[in-house]
Amino acid sequence: MVRQQLGFSLSGFLTVAATLVVASLLAMKLVPPYTEYSTIQRDMTEIVNDPGMANASGPEIREAFSKKTAVDDVKSVSAEDIEIDREPFQLHVKYGVKIPLAANISVYLDFEAKAVKGSK
């Protein structure tokens, strides 16, 4: 009795390998903007929940945000981009990031971060 061989063919292996390479490259390009978004969200939440910032002026809030983002190496948003609302105390920012993938192919990601006093 002849037993049929099992396993990957060369073309099957190359297809799986190419798919994994493309997925890995895509992940390496798309993960940093999402981590930067979470950093911006965290910094805004820390500022909003800081008791000393509740009565701070707009420039003082922007300066605190600027210092936090400088430490965290945030490049997508500046202190001038954030909107400050007093009732309830909250910070809000909308921004987009264009990520070049290959040649003339790019991905544009829209982000909206909001922090309200009392939120975590």
PDB file of N, CA and C in Angstrom:
ATOM      1  N   MET A   1       0.838  -1.167   0.000  1.00  0.00           N
ATOM      2  CA  MET A   1       0.000   0.000   0.000  1.00  0.00           C
ATOM      3  C   MET A   1       0.894   1.245   0.000  1.00  0.00           C
ATOM      4  N   VAL A   2       0.659   2.120  -0.951  1.00  0.00           N
ATOM      5  CA  VAL A   2       1.429   3.347  -1.088  1.00  0.00           C
ATOM      6  C   VAL A   2       0.734   4.453  -0.280  1.00  0.00           C
ATOM      7  N   ARG A   3       1.520   5.100   0.530  1.00  0.00           N
ATOM      8  CA  ARG A   3       0.967   6.161   1.373  1.00  0.00           C
ATOM      9  C   ARG A   3       1.226   7.517   0.732  1.00  0.00           C
ATOM     10  N   GLN A   4       0.177   8.365   0.679  1.00  0.00           N
ATOM     11  CA  GLN A   4       0.318   9.682   0.063  1.00  0.00           C
ATOM     12  C   GLN A   4       1.064  10.615   1.014  1.00  0.00           C
ATOM     13  N   GLN A   5       1.978  11.391   0.468  1.00  0.00           N
ATOM     14  CA  GLN A   5       2.743  12.320   1.297  1.00  0.00           C
ATOM     15  C   GLN A   5       1.885  13.528   1.661  1.00  0.00           C
ATOM     16  N   LEU A   6       2.103  14.034   2.855  1.00  0.00           N
ATOM     17  CA  LEU A   6       1.385  15.206   3.332  1.00  0.00           C
ATOM     18  C   LEU A   6       2.378  16.331   3.569  1.00  0.00           C
ATOM     19  N   GLY A   7       1.914  17.570   3.452  1.00  0.00           N
ATOM     20  CA  GLY A   7       2.787  18.704   3.742  1.00  0.00           C
ATOM     21  C   GLY A   7       2.524  19.852   2.796  1.00  0.00           C
ATOM     22  N   PHE A   8       3.350  20.879   2.921  1.00  0.00           N
ATOM     23  CA  PHE A   8       3.247  22.062   2.077  1.00  0.00           C
ATOM     24  C   PHE A   8       3.975  21.845   0.765  1.00  0.00           C
ATOM     25  N   SER A   9       3.386  22.378  -0.282  1.00  0.00           N
ATOM     26  CA  SER A   9       4.128  22.452  -1.538  1.00  0.00           C
ATOM     27  C   SER A   9       4.941  23.745  -1.490  1.00  0.00           C
ATOM     28  N   LEU A  10       5.870  23.904  -2.392  1.00  0.00           N
ATOM     29  CA  LEU A  10       6.692  25.112  -2.416  1.00  0.00           C
ATOM     30  C   LEU A  10       5.832  26.336  -2.664  1.00  0.00           C
ATOM     31  N   SER A  11       4.898  26.256  -3.592  1.00  0.00           N
ATOM     32  CA  SER A  11       4.045  27.414  -3.881  1.00  0.00           C
ATOM     33  C   SER A  11       3.149  27.749  -2.676  1.00  0.00           C
ATOM     34  N   GLY A  12       2.663  26.755  -1.980  1.00  0.00           N
ATOM     35  CA  GLY A  12       1.869  27.000  -0.775  1.00  0.00           C
ATOM     36  C   GLY A  12       2.681  27.665   0.313  1.00  0.00           C
ATOM     37  N   PHE A  13       3.912  27.183   0.493  1.00  0.00           N
ATOM     38  CA  PHE A  13       4.801  27.775   1.489  1.00  0.00           C
ATOM     39  C   PHE A  13       5.113  29.229   1.152  1.00  0.00           C
ATOM     40  N   LEU A  14       5.425  29.518  -0.130  1.00  0.00           N
ATOM     41  CA  LEU A  14       5.740  30.889  -0.529  1.00  0.00           C
ATOM     42  C   LEU A  14       4.535  31.815  -0.364  1.00  0.00           C
ATOM     43  N   THR A  15       3.334  31.315  -0.626  1.00  0.00           N
ATOM     44  CA  THR A  15       2.124  32.122  -0.450  1.00  0.00           C
ATOM     45  C   THR A  15       1.924  32.469   1.019  1.00  0.00           C
ATOM     46  N   VAL A  16       2.069  31.496   1.895  1.00  0.00           N
ATOM     47  CA  VAL A  16       1.928  31.741   3.337  1.00  0.00           C
ATOM     48  C   VAL A  16       3.021  32.687   3.815  1.00  0.00           C
ATOM     49  N   ALA A  17       4.235  32.499   3.373  1.00  0.00           N
ATOM     50  CA  ALA A  17       5.354  33.355   3.788  1.00  0.00           C
ATOM     51  C   ALA A  17       5.132  34.791   3.319  1.00  0.00           C
ATOM     52  N   ALA A  18       4.698  34.979   2.075  1.00  0.00           N
ATOM     53  CA  ALA A  18       4.451  36.327   1.549  1.00  0.00           C
ATOM     54  C   ALA A  18       3.322  37.005   2.325  1.00  0.00           C
ATOM     55  N   THR A  19       2.283  36.263   2.651  1.00  0.00           N
ATOM     56  CA  THR A  19       1.166  36.814   3.427  1.00  0.00           C
ATOM     57  C   THR A  19       1.627  37.254   4.807  1.00  0.00           C
ATOM     58  N   LEU A  20       2.456  36.434   5.449  1.00  0.00           N
ATOM     59  CA  LEU A  20       2.978  36.798   6.765  1.00  0.00           C
ATOM     60  C   LEU A  20       3.886  38.024   6.698  1.00  0.00           C
ATOM     61  N   VAL A  21       4.693  38.130   5.652  1.00  0.00           N
ATOM     62  CA  VAL A  21       5.576  39.282   5.502  1.00  0.00           C
ATOM     63  C   VAL A  21       4.757  40.559   5.316  1.00  0.00           C
ATOM     64  N   VAL A  22       3.742  40.522   4.458  1.00  0.00           N
ATOM     65  CA  VAL A  22       2.898  41.698   4.217  1.00  0.00           C
ATOM     66  C   VAL A  22       2.158  42.086   5.500  1.00  0.00           C
ATOM     67  N   ALA A  23       1.609  41.116   6.224  1.00  0.00           N
ATOM     68  CA  ALA A  23       0.903  41.405   7.471  1.00  0.00           C
ATOM     69  C   ALA A  23       1.856  42.003   8.509  1.00  0.00           C
ATOM     70  N   SER A  24       3.068  41.508   8.581  1.00  0.00           N
ATOM     71  CA  SER A  24       4.046  42.032   9.530  1.00  0.00           C
ATOM     72  C   SER A  24       4.440  43.460   9.187  1.00  0.00           C
ATOM     73  N   LEU A  25       4.681  43.728   7.910  1.00  0.00           N
ATOM     74  CA  LEU A  25       5.029  45.087   7.493  1.00  0.00           C
ATOM     75  C   LEU A  25       3.888  46.056   7.766  1.00  0.00           C
ATOM     76  N   LEU A  26       2.671  45.637   7.506  1.00  0.00           N
ATOM     77  CA  LEU A  26       1.505  46.470   7.779  1.00  0.00           C
ATOM     78  C   LEU A  26       1.393  46.766   9.274  1.00  0.00           C
ATOM     79  N   ALA A  27       1.592  45.752  10.089  1.00  0.00           N
ATOM     80  CA  ALA A  27       1.528  45.938  11.539  1.00  0.00           C
ATOM     81  C   ALA A  27       2.613  46.890  12.024  1.00  0.00           C
ATOM     82  N   MET A  28       3.820  46.774  11.469  1.00  0.00           N
ATOM     83  CA  MET A  28       4.909  47.653  11.878  1.00  0.00           C
ATOM     84  C   MET A  28       4.636  49.102  11.512  1.00  0.00           C
ATOM     85  N   LYS A  29       3.870  49.346  10.463  1.00  0.00           N
ATOM     86  CA  LYS A  29       3.529  50.706  10.053  1.00  0.00           C
ATOM     87  C   LYS A  29       2.329  51.252  10.834  1.00  0.00           C
ATOM     88  N   LEU A  30       1.368  50.390  11.179  1.00  0.00           N
ATOM     89  CA  LEU A  30       0.117  50.854  11.777  1.00  0.00           C
ATOM     90  C   LEU A  30       0.102  50.879  13.304  1.00  0.00           C
ATOM     91  N   VAL A  31       0.942  50.125  13.956  1.00  0.00           N
ATOM     92  CA  VAL A  31       0.929  50.083  15.422  1.00  0.00           C
ATOM     93  C   VAL A  31       1.420  51.396  16.047  1.00  0.00           C
ATOM     94  N   PRO A  32       2.494  52.038  15.577  1.00  0.00           N
ATOM     95  CA  PRO A  32       2.961  53.268  16.228  1.00  0.00           C
ATOM     96  C   PRO A  32       1.920  54.397  16.314  1.00  0.00           C
ATOM     97  N   PRO A  33       1.120  54.672  15.277  1.00  0.00           N
ATOM     98  CA  PRO A  33       0.104  55.724  15.453  1.00  0.00           C
ATOM     99  C   PRO A  33      -0.931  55.390  16.527  1.00  0.00           C
ATOM    100  N   TYR A  34      -1.275  54.128  16.673  1.00  0.00           N
ATOM    101  CA  TYR A  34      -2.240  53.742  17.705  1.00  0.00           C
ATOM    102  C   TYR A  34      -1.637  53.850  19.100  1.00  0.00           C
ATOM    103  N   THR A  35      -0.361  53.533  19.249  1.00  0.00           N
ATOM    104  CA  THR A  35       0.275  53.702  20.556  1.00  0.00           C
ATOM    105  C   THR A  35       0.416  55.190  20.890  1.00  0.00           C
ATOM    106  N   GLU A  36       0.689  56.008  19.872  1.00  0.00           N
ATOM    107  CA  GLU A  36       0.761  57.451  20.102  1.00  0.00           C
ATOM    108  C   GLU A  36      -0.611  58.001  20.497  1.00  0.00           C
ATOM    109  N   TYR A  37      -1.676  57.501  19.881  1.00  0.00           N
ATOM    110  CA  TYR A  37      -3.030  57.902  20.251  1.00  0.00           C
ATOM    111  C   TYR A  37      -3.315  57.569  21.713  1.00  0.00           C
ATOM    112  N   SER A  38      -2.945  56.372  22.142  1.00  0.00           N
ATOM    113  CA  SER A  38      -3.196  55.998  23.536  1.00  0.00           C
ATOM    114  C   SER A  38      -2.362  56.851  24.492  1.00  0.00           C
ATOM    115  N   THR A  39      -1.180  57.270  24.074  1.00  0.00           N
ATOM    116  CA  THR A  39      -0.351  58.157  24.884  1.00  0.00           C
ATOM    117  C   THR A  39      -1.003  59.528  25.014  1.00  0.00           C
ATOM    118  N   ILE A  40      -1.517  60.047  23.903  1.00  0.00           N
ATOM    119  CA  ILE A  40      -2.214  61.341  23.927  1.00  0.00           C
ATOM    120  C   ILE A  40      -3.436  61.262  24.835  1.00  0.00           C
ATOM    121  N   GLN A  41      -4.198  60.184  24.706  1.00  0.00           N
ATOM    122  CA  GLN A  41      -5.393  59.984  25.535  1.00  0.00           C
ATOM    123  C   GLN A  41      -5.015  59.938  27.020  1.00  0.00           C
ATOM    124  N   ARG A  42      -3.958  59.213  27.344  1.00  0.00           N
ATOM    125  CA  ARG A  42      -3.509  59.103  28.728  1.00  0.00           C
ATOM    126  C   ARG A  42      -3.058  60.453  29.276  1.00  0.00           C
ATOM    127  N   ASP A  43      -2.281  61.203  28.491  1.00  0.00           N
ATOM    128  CA  ASP A  43      -1.803  62.511  28.936  1.00  0.00           C
ATOM    129  C   ASP A  43      -2.959  63.478  29.178  1.00  0.00           C
ATOM    130  N   MET A  44      -3.938  63.471  28.281  1.00  0.00           N
ATOM    131  CA  MET A  44      -5.093  64.354  28.454  1.00  0.00           C
ATOM    132  C   MET A  44      -5.898  63.967  29.695  1.00  0.00           C
ATOM    133  N   THR A  45      -6.066  62.682  29.938  1.00  0.00           N
ATOM    134  CA  THR A  45      -6.803  62.217  31.115  1.00  0.00           C
ATOM    135  C   THR A  45      -6.082  62.608  32.396  1.00  0.00           C
ATOM    136  N   GLU A  46      -4.754  62.507  32.412  1.00  0.00           N
ATOM    137  CA  GLU A  46      -3.987  62.908  33.588  1.00  0.00           C
ATOM    138  C   GLU A  46      -4.156  64.393  33.876  1.00  0.00           C
ATOM    139  N   ILE A  47      -4.146  65.214  32.828  1.00  0.00           N
ATOM    140  CA  ILE A  47      -4.302  66.657  33.010  1.00  0.00           C
ATOM    141  C   ILE A  47      -5.700  66.986  33.522  1.00  0.00           C
ATOM    142  N   VAL A  48      -6.716  66.392  32.944  1.00  0.00           N
ATOM    143  CA  VAL A  48      -8.101  66.677  33.332  1.00  0.00           C
ATOM    144  C   VAL A  48      -8.363  66.259  34.774  1.00  0.00           C
ATOM    145  N   ASN A  49      -7.784  65.146  35.209  1.00  0.00           N
ATOM    146  CA  ASN A  49      -8.021  64.647  36.561  1.00  0.00           C
ATOM    147  C   ASN A  49      -7.061  65.220  37.599  1.00  0.00           C
ATOM    148  N   ASP A  50      -6.124  66.068  37.169  1.00  0.00           N
ATOM    149  CA  ASP A  50      -5.211  66.721  38.109  1.00  0.00           C
ATOM    150  C   ASP A  50      -5.970  67.845  38.827  1.00  0.00           C
ATOM    151  N   PRO A  51      -6.055  67.794  40.171  1.00  0.00           N
ATOM    152  CA  PRO A  51      -6.810  68.825  40.896  1.00  0.00           C
ATOM    153  C   PRO A  51      -6.277  70.244  40.669  1.00  0.00           C
ATOM    154  N   GLY A  52      -5.006  70.381  40.426  1.00  0.00           N
ATOM    155  CA  GLY A  52      -4.424  71.701  40.201  1.00  0.00           C
ATOM    156  C   GLY A  52      -4.781  72.314  38.863  1.00  0.00           C
ATOM    157  N   MET A  53      -5.261  71.512  37.938  1.00  0.00           N
ATOM    158  CA  MET A  53      -5.588  72.011  36.605  1.00  0.00           C
ATOM    159  C   MET A  53      -7.045  72.467  36.468  1.00  0.00           C
ATOM    160  N   ALA A  54      -7.872  72.179  37.449  1.00  0.00           N
ATOM    161  CA  ALA A  54      -9.296  72.521  37.351  1.00  0.00           C
ATOM    162  C   ALA A  54      -9.510  74.021  37.187  1.00  0.00           C
ATOM    163  N   ASN A  55      -8.706  74.840  37.854  1.00  0.00           N
ATOM    164  CA  ASN A  55      -8.856  76.293  37.770  1.00  0.00           C
ATOM    165  C   ASN A  55      -7.735  76.945  36.973  1.00  0.00           C
ATOM    166  N   ALA A  56      -6.952  76.142  36.253  1.00  0.00           N
ATOM    167  CA  ALA A  56      -5.827  76.681  35.480  1.00  0.00           C
ATOM    168  C   ALA A  56      -6.339  77.388  34.231  1.00  0.00           C
ATOM    169  N   SER A  57      -5.552  78.319  33.748  1.00  0.00           N
ATOM    170  CA  SER A  57      -5.918  79.035  32.524  1.00  0.00           C
ATOM    171  C   SER A  57      -5.602  78.161  31.309  1.00  0.00           C
ATOM    172  N   GLY A  58      -6.117  78.565  30.162  1.00  0.00           N
ATOM    173  CA  GLY A  58      -5.871  77.825  28.920  1.00  0.00           C
ATOM    174  C   GLY A  58      -4.393  77.659  28.615  1.00  0.00           C
ATOM    175  N   PRO A  59      -3.594  78.754  28.692  1.00  0.00           N
ATOM    176  CA  PRO A  59      -2.157  78.601  28.433  1.00  0.00           C
ATOM    177  C   PRO A  59      -1.453  77.660  29.407  1.00  0.00           C
ATOM    178  N   GLU A  60      -1.882  77.633  30.665  1.00  0.00           N
ATOM    179  CA  GLU A  60      -1.269  76.725  31.639  1.00  0.00           C
ATOM    180  C   GLU A  60      -1.598  75.267  31.308  1.00  0.00           C
ATOM    181  N   ILE A  61      -2.835  75.024  30.884  1.00  0.00           N
ATOM    182  CA  ILE A  61      -3.234  73.666  30.497  1.00  0.00           C
ATOM    183  C   ILE A  61      -2.462  73.229  29.263  1.00  0.00           C
ATOM    184  N   ARG A  62      -2.340  74.130  28.290  1.00  0.00           N
ATOM    185  CA  ARG A  62      -1.592  73.808  27.064  1.00  0.00           C
ATOM    186  C   ARG A  62      -0.115  73.562  27.368  1.00  0.00           C
ATOM    187  N   GLU A  63       0.443  74.330  28.302  1.00  0.00           N
ATOM    188  CA  GLU A  63       1.846  74.131  28.677  1.00  0.00           C
ATOM    189  C   GLU A  63       2.041  72.768  29.344  1.00  0.00           C
ATOM    190  N   ALA A  64       1.111  72.390  30.225  1.00  0.00           N
ATOM    191  CA  ALA A  64       1.190  71.081  30.875  1.00  0.00           C
ATOM    192  C   ALA A  64       1.095  69.965  29.841  1.00  0.00           C
ATOM    193  N   PHE A  65       0.189  70.117  28.879  1.00  0.00           N
ATOM    194  CA  PHE A  65       0.050  69.119  27.813  1.00  0.00           C
ATOM    195  C   PHE A  65       1.323  69.065  26.970  1.00  0.00           C
ATOM    196  N   SER A  66       1.870  70.220  26.659  1.00  0.00           N
ATOM    197  CA  SER A  66       3.092  70.280  25.854  1.00  0.00           C
ATOM    198  C   SER A  66       4.259  69.590  26.556  1.00  0.00           C
ATOM    199  N   LYS A  67       4.378  69.786  27.861  1.00  0.00           N
ATOM    200  CA  LYS A  67       5.457  69.139  28.618  1.00  0.00           C
ATOM    201  C   LYS A  67       5.286  67.625  28.637  1.00  0.00           C
ATOM    202  N   LYS A  68       4.044  67.168  28.861  1.00  0.00           N
ATOM    203  CA  LYS A  68       3.797  65.722  28.889  1.00  0.00           C
ATOM    204  C   LYS A  68       4.077  65.086  27.526  1.00  0.00           C
ATOM    205  N   THR A  69       3.639  65.733  26.459  1.00  0.00           N
ATOM    206  CA  THR A  69       3.852  65.148  25.134  1.00  0.00           C
ATOM    207  C   THR A  69       5.318  65.226  24.705  1.00  0.00           C
ATOM    208  N   ALA A  70       6.053  66.206  25.210  1.00  0.00           N
ATOM    209  CA  ALA A  70       7.489  66.271  24.903  1.00  0.00           C
ATOM    210  C   ALA A  70       8.217  65.096  25.549  1.00  0.00           C
ATOM    211  N   VAL A  71       7.845  64.775  26.762  1.00  0.00           N
ATOM    212  CA  VAL A  71       8.467  63.642  27.465  1.00  0.00           C
ATOM    213  C   VAL A  71       8.115  62.333  26.757  1.00  0.00           C
ATOM    214  N   ASP A  72       6.852  62.232  26.296  1.00  0.00           N
ATOM    215  CA  ASP A  72       6.379  61.006  25.654  1.00  0.00           C
ATOM    216  C   ASP A  72       6.695  60.947  24.158  1.00  0.00           C
ATOM    217  N   ASP A  73       7.347  61.978  23.614  1.00  0.00           N
ATOM    218  CA  ASP A  73       7.760  62.028  22.209  1.00  0.00           C
ATOM    219  C   ASP A  73       6.564  61.922  21.253  1.00  0.00           C
ATOM    220  N   VAL A  74       5.541  62.716  21.522  1.00  0.00           N
ATOM    221  CA  VAL A  74       4.359  62.766  20.653  1.00  0.00           C
ATOM    222  C   VAL A  74       4.606  63.810  19.569  1.00  0.00           C
ATOM    223  N   LYS A  75       4.422  63.421  18.310  1.00  0.00           N
ATOM    224  CA  LYS A  75       4.686  64.321  17.191  1.00  0.00           C
ATOM    225  C   LYS A  75       3.415  64.729  16.434  1.00  0.00           C
ATOM    226  N   SER A  76       2.331  63.992  16.580  1.00  0.00           N
ATOM    227  CA  SER A  76       1.134  64.215  15.764  1.00  0.00           C
ATOM    228  C   SER A  76       0.275  65.376  16.234  1.00  0.00           C
ATOM    229  N   VAL A  77       0.364  65.727  17.516  1.00  0.00           N
ATOM    230  CA  VAL A  77      -0.504  66.747  18.089  1.00  0.00           C
ATOM    231  C   VAL A  77       0.347  67.739  18.869  1.00  0.00           C
ATOM    232  N   SER A  78       0.004  69.015  18.735  1.00  0.00           N
ATOM    233  CA  SER A  78       0.670  70.031  19.548  1.00  0.00           C
ATOM    234  C   SER A  78      -0.328  70.596  20.556  1.00  0.00           C
ATOM    235  N   ALA A  79       0.162  71.377  21.471  1.00  0.00           N
ATOM    236  CA  ALA A  79      -0.702  71.947  22.513  1.00  0.00           C
ATOM    237  C   ALA A  79      -1.752  72.881  21.921  1.00  0.00           C
ATOM    238  N   GLU A  80      -1.462  73.503  20.798  1.00  0.00           N
ATOM    239  CA  GLU A  80      -2.415  74.416  20.166  1.00  0.00           C
ATOM    240  C   GLU A  80      -3.589  73.673  19.533  1.00  0.00           C
ATOM    241  N   ASP A  81      -3.443  72.382  19.307  1.00  0.00           N
ATOM    242  CA  ASP A  81      -4.499  71.594  18.666  1.00  0.00           C
ATOM    243  C   ASP A  81      -5.624  71.193  19.617  1.00  0.00           C
ATOM    244  N   ILE A  82      -5.370  71.217  20.926  1.00  0.00           N
ATOM    245  CA  ILE A  82      -6.388  70.734  21.855  1.00  0.00           C
ATOM    246  C   ILE A  82      -7.441  71.811  22.113  1.00  0.00           C
ATOM    247  N   GLU A  83      -8.686  71.347  22.273  1.00  0.00           N
ATOM    248  CA  GLU A  83      -9.790  72.225  22.624  1.00  0.00           C
ATOM    249  C   GLU A  83     -10.086  72.019  24.107  1.00  0.00           C
ATOM    250  N   ILE A  84     -10.313  73.128  24.812  1.00  0.00           N
ATOM    251  CA  ILE A  84     -10.553  73.079  26.253  1.00  0.00           C
ATOM    252  C   ILE A  84     -11.980  73.542  26.523  1.00  0.00           C
ATOM    253  N   ASP A  85     -12.758  72.698  27.206  1.00  0.00           N
ATOM    254  CA  ASP A  85     -14.103  73.059  27.639  1.00  0.00           C
ATOM    255  C   ASP A  85     -14.112  73.083  29.156  1.00  0.00           C
ATOM    256  N   ARG A  86     -14.843  74.027  29.733  1.00  0.00           N
ATOM    257  CA  ARG A  86     -14.844  74.192  31.191  1.00  0.00           C
ATOM    258  C   ARG A  86     -15.989  73.457  31.892  1.00  0.00           C
ATOM    259  N   GLU A  87     -17.144  73.361  31.284  1.00  0.00           N
ATOM    260  CA  GLU A  87     -18.298  72.731  31.945  1.00  0.00           C
ATOM    261  C   GLU A  87     -18.807  71.574  31.137  1.00  0.00           C
ATOM    262  N   PRO A  88     -18.568  70.360  31.457  1.00  0.00           N
ATOM    263  CA  PRO A  88     -17.599  69.896  32.451  1.00  0.00           C
ATOM    264  C   PRO A  88     -16.186  70.054  31.904  1.00  0.00           C
ATOM    265  N   PHE A  89     -15.222  70.066  32.802  1.00  0.00           N
ATOM    266  CA  PHE A  89     -13.826  70.237  32.396  1.00  0.00           C
ATOM    267  C   PHE A  89     -13.403  69.064  31.525  1.00  0.00           C
ATOM    268  N   GLN A  90     -13.052  69.360  30.266  1.00  0.00           N
ATOM    269  CA  GLN A  90     -12.636  68.307  29.344  1.00  0.00           C
ATOM    270  C   GLN A  90     -11.684  68.851  28.292  1.00  0.00           C
ATOM    271  N   LEU A  91     -10.882  67.958  27.755  1.00  0.00           N
ATOM    272  CA  LEU A  91      -9.966  68.252  26.660  1.00  0.00           C
ATOM    273  C   LEU A  91     -10.363  67.378  25.479  1.00  0.00           C
ATOM    274  N   HIS A  92     -10.209  67.931  24.275  1.00  0.00           N
ATOM    275  CA  HIS A  92     -10.651  67.236  23.080  1.00  0.00           C
ATOM    276  C   HIS A  92      -9.691  67.577  21.936  1.00  0.00           C
ATOM    277  N   VAL A  93      -9.357  66.585  21.133  1.00  0.00           N
ATOM    278  CA  VAL A  93      -8.514  66.832  19.966  1.00  0.00           C
ATOM    279  C   VAL A  93      -8.880  65.855  18.853  1.00  0.00           C
ATOM    280  N   LYS A  94      -8.920  66.361  17.623  1.00  0.00           N
ATOM    281  CA  LYS A  94      -9.100  65.536  16.433  1.00  0.00           C
ATOM    282  C   LYS A  94      -7.866  65.734  15.564  1.00  0.00           C
ATOM    283  N   TYR A  95      -7.344  64.643  15.046  1.00  0.00           N
ATOM    284  CA  TYR A  95      -6.184  64.746  14.172  1.00  0.00           C
ATOM    285  C   TYR A  95      -6.121  63.527  13.254  1.00  0.00           C
ATOM    286  N   GLY A  96      -5.320  63.639  12.219  1.00  0.00           N
ATOM    287  CA  GLY A  96      -5.150  62.539  11.277  1.00  0.00           C
ATOM    288  C   GLY A  96      -3.672  62.264  11.043  1.00  0.00           C
ATOM    289  N   VAL A  97      -3.395  61.033  10.673  1.00  0.00           N
ATOM    290  CA  VAL A  97      -2.020  60.608  10.404  1.00  0.00           C
ATOM    291  C   VAL A  97      -2.001  59.907   9.051  1.00  0.00           C
ATOM    292  N   LYS A  98      -1.131  60.372   8.154  1.00  0.00           N
ATOM    293  CA  LYS A  98      -0.967  59.739   6.848  1.00  0.00           C
ATOM    294  C   LYS A  98       0.271  58.865   6.898  1.00  0.00           C
ATOM    295  N   ILE A  99       0.083  57.576   6.569  1.00  0.00           N
ATOM    296  CA  ILE A  99       1.179  56.613   6.647  1.00  0.00           C
ATOM    297  C   ILE A  99       1.470  56.085   5.249  1.00  0.00           C
ATOM    298  N   PRO A 100       2.648  56.404   4.692  1.00  0.00           N
ATOM    299  CA  PRO A 100       2.992  55.845   3.383  1.00  0.00           C
ATOM    300  C   PRO A 100       3.318  54.351   3.510  1.00  0.00           C
ATOM    301  N   LEU A 101       2.730  53.551   2.648  1.00  0.00           N
ATOM    302  CA  LEU A 101       2.981  52.106   2.680  1.00  0.00           C
ATOM    303  C   LEU A 101       4.002  51.702   1.633  1.00  0.00           C
ATOM    304  N   ALA A 102       3.687  51.946   0.363  1.00  0.00           N
ATOM    305  CA  ALA A 102       4.606  51.596  -0.711  1.00  0.00           C
ATOM    306  C   ALA A 102       4.270  52.457  -1.927  1.00  0.00           C
ATOM    307  N   ALA A 103       5.297  52.994  -2.555  1.00  0.00           N
ATOM    308  CA  ALA A 103       5.149  53.821  -3.754  1.00  0.00           C
ATOM    309  C   ALA A 103       4.095  54.905  -3.503  1.00  0.00           C
ATOM    310  N   ASN A 104       2.981  54.868  -4.235  1.00  0.00           N
ATOM    311  CA  ASN A 104       1.953  55.894  -4.080  1.00  0.00           C
ATOM    312  C   ASN A 104       0.762  55.406  -3.252  1.00  0.00           C
ATOM    313  N   ILE A 105       0.954  54.388  -2.448  1.00  0.00           N
ATOM    314  CA  ILE A 105      -0.112  53.838  -1.614  1.00  0.00           C
ATOM    315  C   ILE A 105       0.098  54.304  -0.174  1.00  0.00           C
ATOM    316  N   SER A 106      -0.928  54.949   0.372  1.00  0.00           N
ATOM    317  CA  SER A 106      -0.872  55.444   1.746  1.00  0.00           C
ATOM    318  C   SER A 106      -2.150  55.085   2.480  1.00  0.00           C
ATOM    319  N   VAL A 107      -2.068  55.143   3.797  1.00  0.00           N
ATOM    320  CA  VAL A 107      -3.228  54.936   4.657  1.00  0.00           C
ATOM    321  C   VAL A 107      -3.386  56.193   5.491  1.00  0.00           C
ATOM    322  N   TYR A 108      -4.621  56.700   5.569  1.00  0.00           N
ATOM    323  CA  TYR A 108      -4.902  57.875   6.386  1.00  0.00           C
ATOM    324  C   TYR A 108      -5.772  57.443   7.555  1.00  0.00           C
ATOM    325  N   LEU A 109      -5.289  57.691   8.770  1.00  0.00           N
ATOM    326  CA  LEU A 109      -6.013  57.309   9.976  1.00  0.00           C
ATOM    327  C   LEU A 109      -6.517  58.562  10.686  1.00  0.00           C
ATOM    328  N   ASP A 110      -7.809  58.602  11.015  1.00  0.00           N
ATOM    329  CA  ASP A 110      -8.399  59.690  11.786  1.00  0.00           C
ATOM    330  C   ASP A 110      -8.496  59.269  13.241  1.00  0.00           C
ATOM    331  N   PHE A 111      -8.091  60.170  14.133  1.00  0.00           N
ATOM    332  CA  PHE A 111      -8.171  59.904  15.556  1.00  0.00           C
ATOM    333  C   PHE A 111      -8.927  61.038  16.235  1.00  0.00           C
ATOM    334  N   GLU A 112      -9.636  60.694  17.300  1.00  0.00           N
ATOM    335  CA  GLU A 112     -10.331  61.678  18.119  1.00  0.00           C
ATOM    336  C   GLU A 112     -10.158  61.276  19.577  1.00  0.00           C
ATOM    337  N   ALA A 113      -9.438  62.097  20.322  1.00  0.00           N
ATOM    338  CA  ALA A 113      -9.181  61.807  21.735  1.00  0.00           C
ATOM    339  C   ALA A 113      -9.952  62.818  22.580  1.00  0.00           C
ATOM    340  N   LYS A 114     -10.562  62.306  23.641  1.00  0.00           N
ATOM    341  CA  LYS A 114     -11.353  63.157  24.518  1.00  0.00           C
ATOM    342  C   LYS A 114     -11.154  62.689  25.953  1.00  0.00           C
ATOM    343  N   ALA A 115     -10.968  63.627  26.856  1.00  0.00           N
ATOM    344  CA  ALA A 115     -10.821  63.314  28.270  1.00  0.00           C
ATOM    345  C   ALA A 115     -11.751  64.218  29.063  1.00  0.00           C
ATOM    346  N   VAL A 116     -12.608  63.611  29.875  1.00  0.00           N
ATOM    347  CA  VAL A 116     -13.566  64.352  30.704  1.00  0.00           C
ATOM    348  C   VAL A 116     -13.196  64.123  32.165  1.00  0.00           C
ATOM    349  N   LYS A 117     -13.323  65.177  32.961  1.00  0.00           N
ATOM    350  CA  LYS A 117     -12.978  65.076  34.378  1.00  0.00           C
ATOM    351  C   LYS A 117     -13.777  63.934  35.017  1.00  0.00           C
ATOM    352  N   GLY A 118     -13.063  63.104  35.773  1.00  0.00           N
ATOM    353  CA  GLY A 118     -13.680  61.962  36.430  1.00  0.00           C
ATOM    354  C   GLY A 118     -13.550  60.680  35.640  1.00  0.00           C
ATOM    355  N   SER A 119     -13.134  60.767  34.355  1.00  0.00           N
ATOM    356  CA  SER A 119     -12.954  59.543  33.553  1.00  0.00           C
ATOM    357  C   SER A 119     -11.576  58.978  33.775  1.00  0.00           C
ATOM    358  N   LYS A 120     -11.419  57.716  33.420  1.00  0.00           N
ATOM    359  CA  LYS A 120     -10.101  57.079  33.562  1.00  0.00           C
ATOM    360  C   LYS A 120      -9.559  56.671  32.235  1.00  0.00           C
TER     361      LYS A 120
END
